[in-house]
Structures are given as C-alpha cells and as structure tokens.
Amino acid sequence: MLRRDADRPQADLVGLAESIGCVGMRCTTPSELDAAIRRSGTVQDWPVLLDVVLP
C-alpha cells in the first residue's frame, strides 16, 4: 500500500500534462471524479490525464 507523506511535496501532474499539450484534471472527491470523467469524454484530439487523489 502506498501512503502519502505529508512532508513531501506532491507532483503537479496536471501542470505537467498541460505543459506537454495534454488536458489535465485533478480529482479529490467522488463528485469531482464523476465530473472529470464526463468532461474527459468531450475532449477530442488531445490526451487526458486524470490525477485522482484517494483518501
């Protein structure tokens, strides 16, 4: 099991995705995840990265 270390900075995966021309979205709640999945289905011609943070 992976654990998040509170003392370590987390990688900005959304920023990284956007810096290489992809669409990036971060989700921290189930409702945000549902919305991001719906939104990702509307993106055409671009890769989509979903950064899902689990509790």
PDB file of N, CA and C in Angstrom:
ATOM      1  N   MET A   1       0.848  -1.174   0.000  1.00  0.00           N
ATOM      2  CA  MET A   1       0.000   0.000   0.000  1.00  0.00           C
ATOM      3  C   MET A   1       0.897   1.242   0.000  1.00  0.00           C
ATOM      4  N   LEU A   2       0.565   2.191  -0.840  1.00  0.00           N
ATOM      5  CA  LEU A   2       1.291   3.453  -0.890  1.00  0.00           C
ATOM      6  C   LEU A   2       0.661   4.443   0.073  1.00  0.00           C
ATOM      7  N   ARG A   3       1.482   5.176   0.746  1.00  0.00           N
ATOM      8  CA  ARG A   3       0.973   6.204   1.654  1.00  0.00           C
ATOM      9  C   ARG A   3       1.537   7.552   1.257  1.00  0.00           C
ATOM     10  N   ARG A   4       0.756   8.547   1.440  1.00  0.00           N
ATOM     11  CA  ARG A   4       1.197   9.905   1.140  1.00  0.00           C
ATOM     12  C   ARG A   4       1.996  10.429   2.323  1.00  0.00           C
ATOM     13  N   ASP A   5       3.160  10.945   2.036  1.00  0.00           N
ATOM     14  CA  ASP A   5       3.996  11.538   3.065  1.00  0.00           C
ATOM     15  C   ASP A   5       3.686  13.023   3.124  1.00  0.00           C
ATOM     16  N   ALA A   6       3.156  13.482   4.254  1.00  0.00           N
ATOM     17  CA  ALA A   6       2.726  14.885   4.381  1.00  0.00           C
ATOM     18  C   ALA A   6       3.893  15.854   4.241  1.00  0.00           C
ATOM     19  N   ASP A   7       5.115  15.394   4.488  1.00  0.00           N
ATOM     20  CA  ASP A   7       6.268  16.278   4.408  1.00  0.00           C
ATOM     21  C   ASP A   7       6.817  16.418   2.993  1.00  0.00           C
ATOM     22  N   ARG A   8       6.368  15.576   2.080  1.00  0.00           N
ATOM     23  CA  ARG A   8       6.856  15.636   0.699  1.00  0.00           C
ATOM     24  C   ARG A   8       5.893  16.417  -0.182  1.00  0.00           C
ATOM     25  N   PRO A   9       6.438  17.255  -1.034  1.00  0.00           N
ATOM     26  CA  PRO A   9       5.540  17.931  -1.990  1.00  0.00           C
ATOM     27  C   PRO A   9       5.005  16.918  -3.006  1.00  0.00           C
ATOM     28  N   GLN A  10       3.779  17.101  -3.399  1.00  0.00           N
ATOM     29  CA  GLN A  10       3.163  16.230  -4.390  1.00  0.00           C
ATOM     30  C   GLN A  10       3.464  16.759  -5.784  1.00  0.00           C
ATOM     31  N   ALA A  11       3.637  15.855  -6.718  1.00  0.00           N
ATOM     32  CA  ALA A  11       3.911  16.247  -8.100  1.00  0.00           C
ATOM     33  C   ALA A  11       2.700  16.952  -8.693  1.00  0.00           C
ATOM     34  N   ASP A  12       2.940  17.975  -9.475  1.00  0.00           N
ATOM     35  CA  ASP A  12       1.867  18.696 -10.166  1.00  0.00           C
ATOM     36  C   ASP A  12       1.625  18.003 -11.501  1.00  0.00           C
ATOM     37  N   LEU A  13       0.885  16.910 -11.469  1.00  0.00           N
ATOM     38  CA  LEU A  13       0.646  16.131 -12.682  1.00  0.00           C
ATOM     39  C   LEU A  13      -0.234  16.876 -13.672  1.00  0.00           C
ATOM     40  N   VAL A  14      -1.155  17.695 -13.179  1.00  0.00           N
ATOM     41  CA  VAL A  14      -1.999  18.483 -14.075  1.00  0.00           C
ATOM     42  C   VAL A  14      -1.136  19.486 -14.830  1.00  0.00           C
ATOM     43  N   GLY A  15      -0.257  20.173 -14.121  1.00  0.00           N
ATOM     44  CA  GLY A  15       0.644  21.126 -14.764  1.00  0.00           C
ATOM     45  C   GLY A  15       1.569  20.452 -15.755  1.00  0.00           C
ATOM     46  N   LEU A  16       2.079  19.283 -15.398  1.00  0.00           N
ATOM     47  CA  LEU A  16       2.942  18.532 -16.297  1.00  0.00           C
ATOM     48  C   LEU A  16       2.190  18.146 -17.566  1.00  0.00           C
ATOM     49  N   ALA A  17       0.977  17.626 -17.402  1.00  0.00           N
ATOM     50  CA  ALA A  17       0.170  17.236 -18.565  1.00  0.00           C
ATOM     51  C   ALA A  17      -0.072  18.436 -19.478  1.00  0.00           C
ATOM     52  N   GLU A  18      -0.447  19.562 -18.878  1.00  0.00           N
ATOM     53  CA  GLU A  18      -0.732  20.745 -19.688  1.00  0.00           C
ATOM     54  C   GLU A  18       0.524  21.297 -20.356  1.00  0.00           C
ATOM     55  N   SER A  19       1.676  21.123 -19.710  1.00  0.00           N
ATOM     56  CA  SER A  19       2.920  21.643 -20.293  1.00  0.00           C
ATOM     57  C   SER A  19       3.346  20.871 -21.545  1.00  0.00           C
ATOM     58  N   ILE A  20       2.833  19.669 -21.712  1.00  0.00           N
ATOM     59  CA  ILE A  20       3.163  18.889 -22.916  1.00  0.00           C
ATOM     60  C   ILE A  20       1.970  18.778 -23.865  1.00  0.00           C
ATOM     61  N   GLY A  21       0.979  19.660 -23.667  1.00  0.00           N
ATOM     62  CA  GLY A  21      -0.124  19.740 -24.609  1.00  0.00           C
ATOM     63  C   GLY A  21      -1.289  18.819 -24.348  1.00  0.00           C
ATOM     64  N   CYS A  22      -1.364  18.246 -23.158  1.00  0.00           N
ATOM     65  CA  CYS A  22      -2.487  17.372 -22.803  1.00  0.00           C
ATOM     66  C   CYS A  22      -3.487  18.151 -21.949  1.00  0.00           C
ATOM     67  N   VAL A  23      -4.612  17.542 -21.683  1.00  0.00           N
ATOM     68  CA  VAL A  23      -5.595  18.105 -20.766  1.00  0.00           C
ATOM     69  C   VAL A  23      -5.388  17.405 -19.429  1.00  0.00           C
ATOM     70  N   GLY A  24      -5.236  18.166 -18.362  1.00  0.00           N
ATOM     71  CA  GLY A  24      -5.047  17.603 -17.032  1.00  0.00           C
ATOM     72  C   GLY A  24      -6.152  18.022 -16.097  1.00  0.00           C
ATOM     73  N   MET A  25      -6.624  17.070 -15.280  1.00  0.00           N
ATOM     74  CA  MET A  25      -7.668  17.346 -14.289  1.00  0.00           C
ATOM     75  C   MET A  25      -7.332  16.610 -13.004  1.00  0.00           C
ATOM     76  N   ARG A  26      -7.498  17.278 -11.875  1.00  0.00           N
ATOM     77  CA  ARG A  26      -7.243  16.667 -10.566  1.00  0.00           C
ATOM     78  C   ARG A  26      -8.568  16.483  -9.846  1.00  0.00           C
ATOM     79  N   CYS A  27      -8.756  15.318  -9.249  1.00  0.00           N
ATOM     80  CA  CYS A  27      -9.999  14.983  -8.556  1.00  0.00           C
ATOM     81  C   CYS A  27      -9.677  14.548  -7.134  1.00  0.00           C
ATOM     82  N   THR A  28     -10.371  15.129  -6.166  1.00  0.00           N
ATOM     83  CA  THR A  28     -10.150  14.749  -4.769  1.00  0.00           C
ATOM     84  C   THR A  28     -11.415  14.242  -4.091  1.00  0.00           C
ATOM     85  N   THR A  29     -12.543  14.303  -4.790  1.00  0.00           N
ATOM     86  CA  THR A  29     -13.808  13.798  -4.241  1.00  0.00           C
ATOM     87  C   THR A  29     -14.518  12.975  -5.313  1.00  0.00           C
ATOM     88  N   PRO A  30     -15.423  12.093  -4.897  1.00  0.00           N
ATOM     89  CA  PRO A  30     -16.163  11.312  -5.893  1.00  0.00           C
ATOM     90  C   PRO A  30     -16.941  12.173  -6.883  1.00  0.00           C
ATOM     91  N   SER A  31     -17.511  13.287  -6.431  1.00  0.00           N
ATOM     92  CA  SER A  31     -18.268  14.129  -7.356  1.00  0.00           C
ATOM     93  C   SER A  31     -17.347  14.809  -8.370  1.00  0.00           C
ATOM     94  N   GLU A  32     -16.147  15.204  -7.926  1.00  0.00           N
ATOM     95  CA  GLU A  32     -15.182  15.771  -8.874  1.00  0.00           C
ATOM     96  C   GLU A  32     -14.756  14.731  -9.899  1.00  0.00           C
ATOM     97  N   LEU A  33     -14.590  13.478  -9.456  1.00  0.00           N
ATOM     98  CA  LEU A  33     -14.202  12.416 -10.372  1.00  0.00           C
ATOM     99  C   LEU A  33     -15.292  12.179 -11.411  1.00  0.00           C
ATOM    100  N   ASP A  34     -16.545  12.126 -10.975  1.00  0.00           N
ATOM    101  CA  ASP A  34     -17.656  11.954 -11.918  1.00  0.00           C
ATOM    102  C   ASP A  34     -17.662  13.064 -12.964  1.00  0.00           C
ATOM    103  N   ALA A  35     -17.490  14.307 -12.509  1.00  0.00           N
ATOM    104  CA  ALA A  35     -17.493  15.443 -13.436  1.00  0.00           C
ATOM    105  C   ALA A  35     -16.300  15.374 -14.392  1.00  0.00           C
ATOM    106  N   ALA A  36     -15.136  14.991 -13.881  1.00  0.00           N
ATOM    107  CA  ALA A  36     -13.942  14.909 -14.733  1.00  0.00           C
ATOM    108  C   ALA A  36     -14.083  13.806 -15.778  1.00  0.00           C
ATOM    109  N   ILE A  37     -14.666  12.698 -15.399  1.00  0.00           N
ATOM    110  CA  ILE A  37     -14.880  11.616 -16.371  1.00  0.00           C
ATOM    111  C   ILE A  37     -15.826  12.081 -17.468  1.00  0.00           C
ATOM    112  N   ARG A  38     -16.908  12.766 -17.082  1.00  0.00           N
ATOM    113  CA  ARG A  38     -17.841  13.296 -18.093  1.00  0.00           C
ATOM    114  C   ARG A  38     -17.132  14.300 -18.997  1.00  0.00           C
ATOM    115  N   ARG A  39     -16.356  15.203 -18.398  1.00  0.00           N
ATOM    116  CA  ARG A  39     -15.649  16.212 -19.185  1.00  0.00           C
ATOM    117  C   ARG A  39     -14.623  15.572 -20.105  1.00  0.00           C
ATOM    118  N   SER A  40     -13.901  14.557 -19.612  1.00  0.00           N
ATOM    119  CA  SER A  40     -12.877  13.921 -20.437  1.00  0.00           C
ATOM    120  C   SER A  40     -13.476  13.254 -21.671  1.00  0.00           C
ATOM    121  N   GLY A  41     -14.734  12.840 -21.569  1.00  0.00           N
ATOM    122  CA  GLY A  41     -15.405  12.245 -22.719  1.00  0.00           C
ATOM    123  C   GLY A  41     -15.714  13.243 -23.815  1.00  0.00           C
ATOM    124  N   THR A  42     -15.657  14.526 -23.507  1.00  0.00           N
ATOM    125  CA  THR A  42     -15.943  15.559 -24.506  1.00  0.00           C
ATOM    126  C   THR A  42     -14.675  16.078 -25.184  1.00  0.00           C
ATOM    127  N   VAL A  43     -13.522  15.707 -24.641  1.00  0.00           N
ATOM    128  CA  VAL A  43     -12.246  16.169 -25.204  1.00  0.00           C
ATOM    129  C   VAL A  43     -11.922  15.330 -26.441  1.00  0.00           C
ATOM    130  N   GLN A  44     -11.661  16.008 -27.528  1.00  0.00           N
ATOM    131  CA  GLN A  44     -11.310  15.319 -28.768  1.00  0.00           C
ATOM    132  C   GLN A  44      -9.920  15.751 -29.215  1.00  0.00           C
ATOM    133  N   ASP A  45      -9.180  14.809 -29.739  1.00  0.00           N
ATOM    134  CA  ASP A  45      -7.868  15.076 -30.334  1.00  0.00           C
ATOM    135  C   ASP A  45      -6.774  15.429 -29.331  1.00  0.00           C
ATOM    136  N   TRP A  46      -6.995  15.250 -28.049  1.00  0.00           N
ATOM    137  CA  TRP A  46      -5.976  15.518 -27.045  1.00  0.00           C
ATOM    138  C   TRP A  46      -5.994  14.413 -26.003  1.00  0.00           C
ATOM    139  N   PRO A  47      -4.840  13.981 -25.536  1.00  0.00           N
ATOM    140  CA  PRO A  47      -4.802  13.037 -24.417  1.00  0.00           C
ATOM    141  C   PRO A  47      -5.299  13.717 -23.144  1.00  0.00           C
ATOM    142  N   VAL A  48      -5.910  12.940 -22.258  1.00  0.00           N
ATOM    143  CA  VAL A  48      -6.414  13.460 -20.993  1.00  0.00           C
ATOM    144  C   VAL A  48      -5.763  12.687 -19.850  1.00  0.00           C
ATOM    145  N   LEU A  49      -5.265  13.428 -18.852  1.00  0.00           N
ATOM    146  CA  LEU A  49      -4.715  12.812 -17.660  1.00  0.00           C
ATOM    147  C   LEU A  49      -5.593  13.177 -16.489  1.00  0.00           C
ATOM    148  N   LEU A  50      -6.092  12.173 -15.775  1.00  0.00           N
ATOM    149  CA  LEU A  50      -6.866  12.408 -14.554  1.00  0.00           C
ATOM    150  C   LEU A  50      -5.973  12.073 -13.365  1.00  0.00           C
ATOM    151  N   ASP A  51      -5.695  13.060 -12.535  1.00  0.00           N
ATOM    152  CA  ASP A  51      -4.930  12.869 -11.297  1.00  0.00           C
ATOM    153  C   ASP A  51      -5.949  12.667 -10.191  1.00  0.00           C
ATOM    154  N   VAL A  52      -6.144  11.413  -9.778  1.00  0.00           N
ATOM    155  CA  VAL A  52      -7.162  11.071  -8.783  1.00  0.00           C
ATOM    156  C   VAL A  52      -6.461  10.844  -7.461  1.00  0.00           C
ATOM    157  N   VAL A  53      -6.778  11.675  -6.475  1.00  0.00           N
ATOM    158  CA  VAL A  53      -6.191  11.588  -5.156  1.00  0.00           C
ATOM    159  C   VAL A  53      -7.161  10.809  -4.257  1.00  0.00           C
ATOM    160  N   LEU A  54      -6.697   9.662  -3.799  1.00  0.00           N
ATOM    161  CA  LEU A  54      -7.543   8.819  -2.945  1.00  0.00           C
ATOM    162  C   LEU A  54      -7.355   9.176  -1.487  1.00  0.00           C
ATOM    163  N   PRO A  55      -8.419   9.087  -0.705  1.00  0.00           N
ATOM    164  CA  PRO A  55      -8.296   9.421   0.732  1.00  0.00           C
ATOM    165  C   PRO A  55      -7.447   8.405   1.472  1.00  0.00           C
TER     166      PRO A  55
END
